[in-house]
PDB file of N, CA and C in Angstrom:
ATOM      1  N   MET A   1     -31.965-124.062 -19.395  1.00  0.00           N
ATOM      2  CA  MET A   1     -32.057-125.333 -20.282  1.00  0.00           C
ATOM      3  C   MET A   1     -31.125-125.171 -21.437  1.00  0.00           C
ATOM      4  N   GLY A   2     -30.275-126.147 -21.737  1.00  0.00           N
ATOM      5  CA  GLY A   2     -29.336-126.133 -22.792  1.00  0.00           C
ATOM      6  C   GLY A   2     -29.953-126.392 -24.113  1.00  0.00           C
ATOM      7  N   ASP A   3     -29.212-126.115 -25.165  1.00  0.00           N
ATOM      8  CA  ASP A   3     -29.720-126.411 -26.548  1.00  0.00           C
ATOM      9  C   ASP A   3     -30.145-127.840 -26.761  1.00  0.00           C
ATOM     10  N   GLU A   4     -29.323-128.735 -26.286  1.00  0.00           N
ATOM     11  CA  GLU A   4     -29.594-130.189 -26.518  1.00  0.00           C
ATOM     12  C   GLU A   4     -30.859-130.591 -25.807  1.00  0.00           C
ATOM     13  N   ASP A   5     -31.054-130.117 -24.580  1.00  0.00           N
ATOM     14  CA  ASP A   5     -32.218-130.469 -23.775  1.00  0.00           C
ATOM     15  C   ASP A   5     -33.438-129.833 -24.466  1.00  0.00           C
ATOM     16  N   LEU A   6     -33.366-128.681 -24.949  1.00  0.00           N
ATOM     17  CA  LEU A   6     -34.450-128.061 -25.688  1.00  0.00           C
ATOM     18  C   LEU A   6     -34.778-128.762 -26.956  1.00  0.00           C
ATOM     19  N   ALA A   7     -33.784-129.194 -27.662  1.00  0.00           N
ATOM     20  CA  ALA A   7     -33.966-129.978 -28.840  1.00  0.00           C
ATOM     21  C   ALA A   7     -34.643-131.373 -28.537  1.00  0.00           C
ATOM     22  N   ARG A   8     -34.208-132.016 -27.535  1.00  0.00           N
ATOM     23  CA  ARG A   8     -34.897-133.244 -27.154  1.00  0.00           C
ATOM     24  C   ARG A   8     -36.328-133.074 -26.822  1.00  0.00           C
ATOM     25  N   GLN A   9     -36.592-131.980 -26.087  1.00  0.00           N
ATOM     26  CA  GLN A   9     -37.937-131.720 -25.704  1.00  0.00           C
ATOM     27  C   GLN A   9     -38.806-131.405 -26.914  1.00  0.00           C
ATOM     28  N   ALA A  10     -38.260-130.693 -27.844  1.00  0.00           N
ATOM     29  CA  ALA A  10     -38.980-130.396 -29.041  1.00  0.00           C
ATOM     30  C   ALA A  10     -39.372-131.610 -29.843  1.00  0.00           C
ATOM     31  N   VAL A  11     -38.444-132.575 -29.834  1.00  0.00           N
ATOM     32  CA  VAL A  11     -38.649-133.862 -30.554  1.00  0.00           C
ATOM     33  C   VAL A  11     -39.648-134.701 -29.782  1.00  0.00           C
ATOM     34  N   GLN A  12     -39.696-134.685 -28.464  1.00  0.00           N
ATOM     35  CA  GLN A  12     -40.692-135.379 -27.674  1.00  0.00           C
ATOM     36  C   GLN A  12     -42.062-134.775 -27.961  1.00  0.00           C
ATOM     37  N   ARG A  13     -42.141-133.523 -28.344  1.00  0.00           N
ATOM     38  CA  ARG A  13     -43.416-132.796 -28.514  1.00  0.00           C
ATOM     39  C   ARG A  13     -43.770-132.856 -30.000  1.00  0.00           C
ATOM     40  N   GLY A  14     -43.100-133.539 -30.826  1.00  0.00           N
ATOM     41  CA  GLY A  14     -43.452-133.757 -32.224  1.00  0.00           C
ATOM     42  C   GLY A  14     -42.534-133.182 -33.339  1.00  0.00           C
ATOM     43  N   ALA A  15     -41.453-132.492 -32.956  1.00  0.00           N
ATOM     44  CA  ALA A  15     -40.503-132.037 -34.037  1.00  0.00           C
ATOM     45  C   ALA A  15     -39.948-133.312 -34.610  1.00  0.00           C
ATOM     46  N   GLN A  16     -39.679-133.223 -35.933  1.00  0.00           N
ATOM     47  CA  GLN A  16     -39.065-134.262 -36.654  1.00  0.00           C
ATOM     48  C   GLN A  16     -37.546-134.373 -36.546  1.00  0.00           C
ATOM     49  N   ASP A  17     -36.931-133.214 -36.341  1.00  0.00           N
ATOM     50  CA  ASP A  17     -35.514-133.242 -36.268  1.00  0.00           C
ATOM     51  C   ASP A  17     -35.122-131.943 -35.660  1.00  0.00           C
ATOM     52  N   TYR A  18     -33.810-131.761 -35.369  1.00  0.00           N
ATOM     53  CA  TYR A  18     -33.274-130.505 -34.776  1.00  0.00           C
ATOM     54  C   TYR A  18     -31.815-130.300 -35.236  1.00  0.00           C
ATOM     55  N   LEU A  19     -31.394-129.136 -35.197  1.00  0.00           N
ATOM     56  CA  LEU A  19     -29.996-128.782 -35.545  1.00  0.00           C
ATOM     57  C   LEU A  19     -29.504-127.926 -34.419  1.00  0.00           C
ATOM     58  N   LEU A  20     -28.327-128.274 -33.881  1.00  0.00           N
ATOM     59  CA  LEU A  20     -27.705-127.438 -32.830  1.00  0.00           C
ATOM     60  C   LEU A  20     -26.780-126.419 -33.527  1.00  0.00           C
ATOM     61  N   ARG A  21     -26.884-125.195 -32.979  1.00  0.00           N
ATOM     62  CA  ARG A  21     -26.048-124.146 -33.536  1.00  0.00           C
ATOM     63  C   ARG A  21     -24.576-124.428 -33.697  1.00  0.00           C
ATOM     64  N   ASN A  22     -23.998-125.184 -32.767  1.00  0.00           N
ATOM     65  CA  ASN A  22     -22.580-125.476 -32.848  1.00  0.00           C
ATOM     66  C   ASN A  22     -22.260-126.614 -33.748  1.00  0.00           C
ATOM     67  N   HIS A  23     -23.361-127.190 -34.441  1.00  0.00           N
ATOM     68  CA  HIS A  23     -23.077-128.353 -35.368  1.00  0.00           C
ATOM     69  C   HIS A  23     -23.573-128.006 -36.783  1.00  0.00           C
ATOM     70  N   LEU A  24     -23.825-126.750 -37.045  1.00  0.00           N
ATOM     71  CA  LEU A  24     -24.241-126.356 -38.392  1.00  0.00           C
ATOM     72  C   LEU A  24     -22.901-126.287 -39.174  1.00  0.00           C
ATOM     73  N   ASP A  25     -22.830-127.183 -40.154  1.00  0.00           N
ATOM     74  CA  ASP A  25     -21.644-127.281 -41.034  1.00  0.00           C
ATOM     75  C   ASP A  25     -22.085-127.685 -42.479  1.00  0.00           C
ATOM     76  N   GLY A  26     -21.114-127.930 -43.283  1.00  0.00           N
ATOM     77  CA  GLY A  26     -21.414-128.216 -44.657  1.00  0.00           C
ATOM     78  C   GLY A  26     -22.019-129.595 -44.826  1.00  0.00           C
ATOM     79  N   TYR A  27     -22.056-130.419 -43.794  1.00  0.00           N
ATOM     80  CA  TYR A  27     -22.680-131.692 -43.862  1.00  0.00           C
ATOM     81  C   TYR A  27     -24.079-131.759 -43.146  1.00  0.00           C
ATOM     82  N   SER A  28     -24.085-131.222 -41.921  1.00  0.00           N
ATOM     83  CA  SER A  28     -25.363-131.394 -41.156  1.00  0.00           C
ATOM     84  C   SER A  28     -26.508-130.636 -41.762  1.00  0.00           C
ATOM     85  N   LEU A  29     -26.355-129.432 -42.116  1.00  0.00           N
ATOM     86  CA  LEU A  29     -27.399-128.654 -42.645  1.00  0.00           C
ATOM     87  C   LEU A  29     -27.991-129.267 -43.926  1.00  0.00           C
ATOM     88  N   PRO A  30     -27.133-129.587 -44.973  1.00  0.00           N
ATOM     89  CA  PRO A  30     -27.695-130.152 -46.187  1.00  0.00           C
ATOM     90  C   PRO A  30     -28.365-131.553 -45.862  1.00  0.00           C
ATOM     91  N   ARG A  31     -27.859-132.261 -44.926  1.00  0.00           N
ATOM     92  CA  ARG A  31     -28.375-133.595 -44.592  1.00  0.00           C
ATOM     93  C   ARG A  31     -29.772-133.369 -43.908  1.00  0.00           C
ATOM     94  N   ALA A  32     -29.940-132.386 -43.073  1.00  0.00           N
ATOM     95  CA  ALA A  32     -31.183-132.158 -42.345  1.00  0.00           C
ATOM     96  C   ALA A  32     -32.184-131.607 -43.407  1.00  0.00           C
ATOM     97  N   LEU A  33     -31.819-130.848 -44.276  1.00  0.00           N
ATOM     98  CA  LEU A  33     -32.676-130.343 -45.353  1.00  0.00           C
ATOM     99  C   LEU A  33     -33.174-131.513 -46.201  1.00  0.00           C
ATOM    100  N   ARG A  34     -32.251-132.399 -46.678  1.00  0.00           N
ATOM    101  CA  ARG A  34     -32.666-133.554 -47.429  1.00  0.00           C
ATOM    102  C   ARG A  34     -33.652-134.420 -46.713  1.00  0.00           C
ATOM    103  N   ASN A  35     -33.372-134.668 -45.448  1.00  0.00           N
ATOM    104  CA  ASN A  35     -34.211-135.470 -44.596  1.00  0.00           C
ATOM    105  C   ASN A  35     -35.619-134.858 -44.511  1.00  0.00           C
ATOM    106  N   ALA A  36     -35.694-133.521 -44.371  1.00  0.00           N
ATOM    107  CA  ALA A  36     -37.002-132.819 -44.236  1.00  0.00           C
ATOM    108  C   ALA A  36     -37.794-132.960 -45.544  1.00  0.00           C
ATOM    109  N   ILE A  37     -37.078-132.772 -46.673  1.00  0.00           N
ATOM    110  CA  ILE A  37     -37.667-132.892 -48.026  1.00  0.00           C
ATOM    111  C   ILE A  37     -38.145-134.250 -48.214  1.00  0.00           C
ATOM    112  N   ASP A  38     -37.310-135.252 -47.805  1.00  0.00           N
ATOM    113  CA  ASP A  38     -37.744-136.680 -47.990  1.00  0.00           C
ATOM    114  C   ASP A  38     -38.932-137.040 -47.073  1.00  0.00           C
ATOM    115  N   ARG A  39     -39.094-136.508 -45.893  1.00  0.00           N
ATOM    116  CA  ARG A  39     -40.215-136.760 -45.008  1.00  0.00           C
ATOM    117  C   ARG A  39     -41.353-136.163 -45.618  1.00  0.00           C
ATOM    118  N   LYS A  40     -41.318-134.960 -46.166  1.00  0.00           N
ATOM    119  CA  LYS A  40     -42.461-134.294 -46.777  1.00  0.00           C
ATOM    120  C   LYS A  40     -42.947-135.098 -47.975  1.00  0.00           C
ATOM    121  N   ALA A  41     -42.017-135.568 -48.781  1.00  0.00           N
ATOM    122  CA  ALA A  41     -42.445-136.394 -49.983  1.00  0.00           C
ATOM    123  C   ALA A  41     -43.104-137.658 -49.492  1.00  0.00           C
ATOM    124  N   ALA A  42     -42.516-138.254 -48.483  1.00  0.00           N
ATOM    125  CA  ALA A  42     -43.219-139.501 -47.971  1.00  0.00           C
ATOM    126  C   ALA A  42     -44.621-139.243 -47.410  1.00  0.00           C
ATOM    127  N   ASP A  43     -44.774-138.165 -46.678  1.00  0.00           N
ATOM    128  CA  ASP A  43     -46.030-137.738 -46.154  1.00  0.00           C
ATOM    129  C   ASP A  43     -47.033-137.522 -47.306  1.00  0.00           C
ATOM    130  N   ASP A  44     -46.642-136.818 -48.295  1.00  0.00           N
ATOM    131  CA  ASP A  44     -47.505-136.532 -49.510  1.00  0.00           C
ATOM    132  C   ASP A  44     -47.887-137.849 -50.097  1.00  0.00           C
ATOM    133  N   ALA A  45     -46.939-138.698 -50.284  1.00  0.00           N
ATOM    134  CA  ALA A  45     -47.300-140.029 -50.923  1.00  0.00           C
ATOM    135  C   ALA A  45     -48.238-140.817 -50.117  1.00  0.00           C
ATOM    136  N   LEU A  46     -48.088-140.839 -48.789  1.00  0.00           N
ATOM    137  CA  LEU A  46     -49.017-141.537 -47.946  1.00  0.00           C
ATOM    138  C   LEU A  46     -50.432-140.934 -47.926  1.00  0.00           C
ATOM    139  N   PHE A  47     -50.519-139.650 -47.925  1.00  0.00           N
ATOM    140  CA  PHE A  47     -51.791-138.899 -48.035  1.00  0.00           C
ATOM    141  C   PHE A  47     -52.438-139.337 -49.383  1.00  0.00           C
ATOM    142  N   LEU A  48     -51.808-139.381 -50.441  1.00  0.00           N
ATOM    143  CA  LEU A  48     -52.408-139.720 -51.774  1.00  0.00           C
ATOM    144  C   LEU A  48     -52.897-141.169 -51.670  1.00  0.00           C
ATOM    145  N   GLU A  49     -52.102-142.051 -51.120  1.00  0.00           N
ATOM    146  CA  GLU A  49     -52.471-143.459 -51.075  1.00  0.00           C
ATOM    147  C   GLU A  49     -53.768-143.674 -50.221  1.00  0.00           C
ATOM    148  N   ARG A  50     -53.751-142.914 -49.037  1.00  0.00           N
ATOM    149  CA  ARG A  50     -55.020-142.990 -48.194  1.00  0.00           C
ATOM    150  C   ARG A  50     -56.196-142.458 -48.898  1.00  0.00           C
ATOM    151  N   GLU A  51     -56.038-141.348 -49.538  1.00  0.00           N
ATOM    152  CA  GLU A  51     -57.221-140.804 -50.374  1.00  0.00           C
ATOM    153  C   GLU A  51     -57.623-141.821 -51.440  1.00  0.00           C
ATOM    154  N   ARG A  52     -56.718-142.449 -52.132  1.00  0.00           N
ATOM    155  CA  ARG A  52     -57.094-143.425 -53.153  1.00  0.00           C
ATOM    156  C   ARG A  52     -57.708-144.589 -52.545  1.00  0.00           C
ATOM    157  N   ALA A  53     -57.293-145.056 -51.338  1.00  0.00           N
ATOM    158  CA  ALA A  53     -57.934-146.150 -50.679  1.00  0.00           C
ATOM    159  C   ALA A  53     -59.322-145.809 -50.220  1.00  0.00           C
ATOM    160  N   GLN A  54     -59.472-144.591 -49.697  1.00  0.00           N
ATOM    161  CA  GLN A  54     -60.856-144.076 -49.285  1.00  0.00           C
ATOM    162  C   GLN A  54     -61.816-144.126 -50.397  1.00  0.00           C
ATOM    163  N   VAL A  55     -61.348-143.560 -51.581  1.00  0.00           N
ATOM    164  CA  VAL A  55     -62.251-143.558 -52.690  1.00  0.00           C
ATOM    165  C   VAL A  55     -62.612-144.926 -53.244  1.00  0.00           C
ATOM    166  N   THR A  56     -61.603-145.858 -53.228  1.00  0.00           N
ATOM    167  CA  THR A  56     -61.906-147.233 -53.615  1.00  0.00           C
ATOM    168  C   THR A  56     -62.848-147.897 -52.687  1.00  0.00           C
ATOM    169  N   LEU A  57     -62.595-147.738 -51.396  1.00  0.00           N
ATOM    170  CA  LEU A  57     -63.450-148.446 -50.367  1.00  0.00           C
ATOM    171  C   LEU A  57     -64.819-147.892 -50.441  1.00  0.00           C
ATOM    172  N   ASP A  58     -65.040-146.601 -50.608  1.00  0.00           N
ATOM    173  CA  ASP A  58     -66.324-145.981 -50.686  1.00  0.00           C
ATOM    174  C   ASP A  58     -67.107-146.315 -51.995  1.00  0.00           C
ATOM    175  N   SER A  59     -66.389-146.764 -53.033  1.00  0.00           N
ATOM    176  CA  SER A  59     -67.055-147.057 -54.271  1.00  0.00           C
ATOM    177  C   SER A  59     -67.485-148.567 -54.359  1.00  0.00           C
ATOM    178  N   ILE A  60     -66.958-149.309 -53.373  1.00  0.00           N
ATOM    179  CA  ILE A  60     -67.294-150.805 -53.466  1.00  0.00           C
ATOM    180  C   ILE A  60     -68.748-150.988 -53.122  1.00  0.00           C
ATOM    181  N   GLY A  61     -69.456-151.845 -53.765  1.00  0.00           N
ATOM    182  CA  GLY A  61     -70.826-152.072 -53.505  1.00  0.00           C
ATOM    183  C   GLY A  61     -71.113-152.842 -52.219  1.00  0.00           C
ATOM    184  N   ASP A  62     -70.187-153.530 -51.686  1.00  0.00           N
ATOM    185  CA  ASP A  62     -70.308-154.291 -50.446  1.00  0.00           C
ATOM    186  C   ASP A  62     -69.981-153.437 -49.196  1.00  0.00           C
ATOM    187  N   ALA A  63     -70.541-153.812 -48.066  1.00  0.00           N
ATOM    188  CA  ALA A  63     -70.226-153.136 -46.894  1.00  0.00           C
ATOM    189  C   ALA A  63     -68.847-153.639 -46.380  1.00  0.00           C
ATOM    190  N   VAL A  64     -68.042-152.668 -46.031  1.00  0.00           N
ATOM    191  CA  VAL A  64     -66.624-152.887 -45.544  1.00  0.00           C
ATOM    192  C   VAL A  64     -66.456-152.360 -44.155  1.00  0.00           C
ATOM    193  N   VAL A  65     -65.974-153.201 -43.287  1.00  0.00           N
ATOM    194  CA  VAL A  65     -65.714-152.869 -41.819  1.00  0.00           C
ATOM    195  C   VAL A  65     -64.281-153.237 -41.558  1.00  0.00           C
ATOM    196  N   SER A  66     -63.559-152.301 -40.877  1.00  0.00           N
ATOM    197  CA  SER A  66     -62.178-152.611 -40.428  1.00  0.00           C
ATOM    198  C   SER A  66     -62.256-152.459 -38.898  1.00  0.00           C
ATOM    199  N   THR A  67     -61.468-153.347 -38.255  1.00  0.00           N
ATOM    200  CA  THR A  67     -61.341-153.276 -36.790  1.00  0.00           C
ATOM    201  C   THR A  67     -59.855-153.396 -36.421  1.00  0.00           C
ATOM    202  N   ASP A  68     -59.563-152.892 -35.181  1.00  0.00           N
ATOM    203  CA  ASP A  68     -58.284-153.067 -34.662  1.00  0.00           C
ATOM    204  C   ASP A  68     -58.166-154.434 -33.936  1.00  0.00           C
ATOM    205  N   VAL A  69     -57.042-154.747 -33.344  1.00  0.00           N
ATOM    206  CA  VAL A  69     -56.912-156.051 -32.713  1.00  0.00           C
ATOM    207  C   VAL A  69     -57.721-156.177 -31.477  1.00  0.00           C
ATOM    208  N   ALA A  70     -58.248-155.102 -30.848  1.00  0.00           N
ATOM    209  CA  ALA A  70     -59.134-155.241 -29.664  1.00  0.00           C
ATOM    210  C   ALA A  70     -60.624-155.402 -30.136  1.00  0.00           C
ATOM    211  N   GLY A  71     -60.898-155.293 -31.516  1.00  0.00           N
ATOM    212  CA  GLY A  71     -62.171-155.498 -31.976  1.00  0.00           C
ATOM    213  C   GLY A  71     -62.996-154.227 -32.108  1.00  0.00           C
ATOM    214  N   ASN A  72     -62.294-152.999 -31.955  1.00  0.00           N
ATOM    215  CA  ASN A  72     -62.994-151.808 -32.063  1.00  0.00           C
ATOM    216  C   ASN A  72     -63.050-151.475 -33.540  1.00  0.00           C
ATOM    217  N   VAL A  73     -64.174-150.999 -34.021  1.00  0.00           N
ATOM    218  CA  VAL A  73     -64.336-150.624 -35.420  1.00  0.00           C
ATOM    219  C   VAL A  73     -63.579-149.350 -35.694  1.00  0.00           C
ATOM    220  N   THR A  74     -62.651-149.432 -36.705  1.00  0.00           N
ATOM    221  CA  THR A  74     -61.906-148.305 -37.104  1.00  0.00           C
ATOM    222  C   THR A  74     -62.324-147.649 -38.347  1.00  0.00           C
ATOM    223  N   TYR A  75     -63.133-148.458 -39.164  1.00  0.00           N
ATOM    224  CA  TYR A  75     -63.567-147.853 -40.462  1.00  0.00           C
ATOM    225  C   TYR A  75     -64.797-148.565 -40.912  1.00  0.00           C
ATOM    226  N   LEU A  76     -65.750-147.775 -41.411  1.00  0.00           N
ATOM    227  CA  LEU A  76     -66.979-148.258 -42.086  1.00  0.00           C
ATOM    228  C   LEU A  76     -67.066-147.570 -43.384  1.00  0.00           C
ATOM    229  N   ASN A  77     -67.267-148.250 -44.524  1.00  0.00           N
ATOM    230  CA  ASN A  77     -67.318-147.552 -45.779  1.00  0.00           C
ATOM    231  C   ASN A  77     -68.806-146.956 -45.948  1.00  0.00           C
ATOM    232  N   LEU A  78     -68.846-146.168 -47.015  1.00  0.00           N
ATOM    233  CA  LEU A  78     -70.161-145.543 -47.226  1.00  0.00           C
ATOM    234  C   LEU A  78     -71.356-146.483 -47.354  1.00  0.00           C
ATOM    235  N   ARG A  79     -71.120-147.565 -48.067  1.00  0.00           N
ATOM    236  CA  ARG A  79     -72.213-148.563 -48.181  1.00  0.00           C
ATOM    237  C   ARG A  79     -72.711-149.043 -46.839  1.00  0.00           C
ATOM    238  N   PHE A  80     -71.847-149.360 -45.987  1.00  0.00           N
ATOM    239  CA  PHE A  80     -72.201-149.791 -44.608  1.00  0.00           C
ATOM    240  C   PHE A  80     -72.905-148.707 -43.856  1.00  0.00           C
ATOM    241  N   ARG A  81     -72.325-147.475 -43.930  1.00  0.00           N
ATOM    242  CA  ARG A  81     -72.900-146.354 -43.117  1.00  0.00           C
ATOM    243  C   ARG A  81     -74.274-145.938 -43.692  1.00  0.00           C
ATOM    244  N   SER A  82     -74.468-146.079 -44.965  1.00  0.00           N
ATOM    245  CA  SER A  82     -75.801-145.669 -45.512  1.00  0.00           C
ATOM    246  C   SER A  82     -76.883-146.671 -45.308  1.00  0.00           C
ATOM    247  N   ARG A  83     -76.552-147.943 -44.977  1.00  0.00           N
ATOM    248  CA  ARG A  83     -77.499-148.963 -44.776  1.00  0.00           C
ATOM    249  C   ARG A  83     -77.768-149.351 -43.317  1.00  0.00           C
ATOM    250  N   THR A  84     -77.018-148.617 -42.432  1.00  0.00           N
ATOM    251  CA  THR A  84     -77.137-149.143 -41.045  1.00  0.00           C
ATOM    252  C   THR A  84     -77.514-147.859 -40.130  1.00  0.00           C
ATOM    253  N   PRO A  85     -78.384-148.160 -39.155  1.00  0.00           N
ATOM    254  CA  PRO A  85     -78.668-147.040 -38.314  1.00  0.00           C
ATOM    255  C   PRO A  85     -77.388-146.530 -37.471  1.00  0.00           C
ATOM    256  N   ARG A  86     -77.297-145.290 -37.142  1.00  0.00           N
ATOM    257  CA  ARG A  86     -76.149-144.796 -36.408  1.00  0.00           C
ATOM    258  C   ARG A  86     -76.157-145.302 -35.001  1.00  0.00           C
ATOM    259  N   ARG A  87     -75.061-145.948 -34.611  1.00  0.00           N
ATOM    260  CA  ARG A  87     -74.833-146.393 -33.230  1.00  0.00           C
ATOM    261  C   ARG A  87     -73.335-146.796 -33.077  1.00  0.00           C
ATOM    262  N   ARG A  88     -72.989-147.086 -31.921  1.00  0.00           N
ATOM    263  CA  ARG A  88     -71.584-147.451 -31.680  1.00  0.00           C
ATOM    264  C   ARG A  88     -71.341-148.946 -32.101  1.00  0.00           C
ATOM    265  N   PHE A  89     -70.417-149.153 -32.895  1.00  0.00           N
ATOM    266  CA  PHE A  89     -70.076-150.509 -33.417  1.00  0.00           C
ATOM    267  C   PHE A  89     -68.975-151.114 -32.730  1.00  0.00           C
ATOM    268  N   THR A  90     -69.001-152.400 -32.534  1.00  0.00           N
ATOM    269  CA  THR A  90     -67.860-153.292 -32.230  1.00  0.00           C
ATOM    270  C   THR A  90     -67.768-154.237 -33.386  1.00  0.00           C
ATOM    271  N   ALA A  91     -66.729-154.965 -33.501  1.00  0.00           N
ATOM    272  CA  ALA A  91     -66.607-156.042 -34.535  1.00  0.00           C
ATOM    273  C   ALA A  91     -67.851-156.888 -34.589  1.00  0.00           C
ATOM    274  N   ALA A  92     -68.273-157.375 -33.413  1.00  0.00           N
ATOM    275  CA  ALA A  92     -69.485-158.252 -33.333  1.00  0.00           C
ATOM    276  C   ALA A  92     -70.720-157.579 -33.806  1.00  0.00           C
ATOM    277  N   THR A  93     -71.033-156.400 -33.346  1.00  0.00           N
ATOM    278  CA  THR A  93     -72.278-155.710 -33.809  1.00  0.00           C
ATOM    279  C   THR A  93     -72.151-155.322 -35.206  1.00  0.00           C
ATOM    280  N   ALA A  94     -71.075-154.893 -35.717  1.00  0.00           N
ATOM    281  CA  ALA A  94     -70.856-154.451 -37.122  1.00  0.00           C
ATOM    282  C   ALA A  94     -71.078-155.765 -38.040  1.00  0.00           C
ATOM    283  N   ALA A  95     -70.561-156.866 -37.670  1.00  0.00           N
ATOM    284  CA  ALA A  95     -70.676-158.032 -38.457  1.00  0.00           C
ATOM    285  C   ALA A  95     -72.154-158.520 -38.518  1.00  0.00           C
ATOM    286  N   SER A  96     -72.910-158.370 -37.388  1.00  0.00           N
ATOM    287  CA  SER A  96     -74.317-158.725 -37.383  1.00  0.00           C
ATOM    288  C   SER A  96     -75.188-157.735 -38.058  1.00  0.00           C
ATOM    289  N   SER A  97     -74.664-156.473 -38.257  1.00  0.00           N
ATOM    290  CA  SER A  97     -75.505-155.320 -38.787  1.00  0.00           C
ATOM    291  C   SER A  97     -75.233-155.167 -40.280  1.00  0.00           C
ATOM    292  N   ALA A  98     -74.240-155.857 -40.804  1.00  0.00           N
ATOM    293  CA  ALA A  98     -73.837-155.733 -42.180  1.00  0.00           C
ATOM    294  C   ALA A  98     -75.072-155.946 -43.164  1.00  0.00           C
ATOM    295  N   PRO A  99     -75.191-154.976 -44.123  1.00  0.00           N
ATOM    296  CA  PRO A  99     -76.376-155.104 -45.052  1.00  0.00           C
ATOM    297  C   PRO A  99     -76.217-156.387 -45.907  1.00  0.00           C
TER     298      PRO A  99
END
């Protein structure tokens, strides 16, 4: 298996980027490092925003339910979970069970 095939396979399995040995130069390496740093900064910012949203939603006094387009419940805040018996929720059952 060649370097490019291995690199493509790595990306398919979750790698964010790759560098080929014969393409390491004064442009490609710094660019790849900047991209990696930028991705990490974006991931950190997203994590903080999700944490902030979680804290906000859990501190709301009302029951909050989120669903995907198929109607599957993707999120229930603490208020909802503390007031409802544990069971599998759909959008319809969550709406009828809201405190």
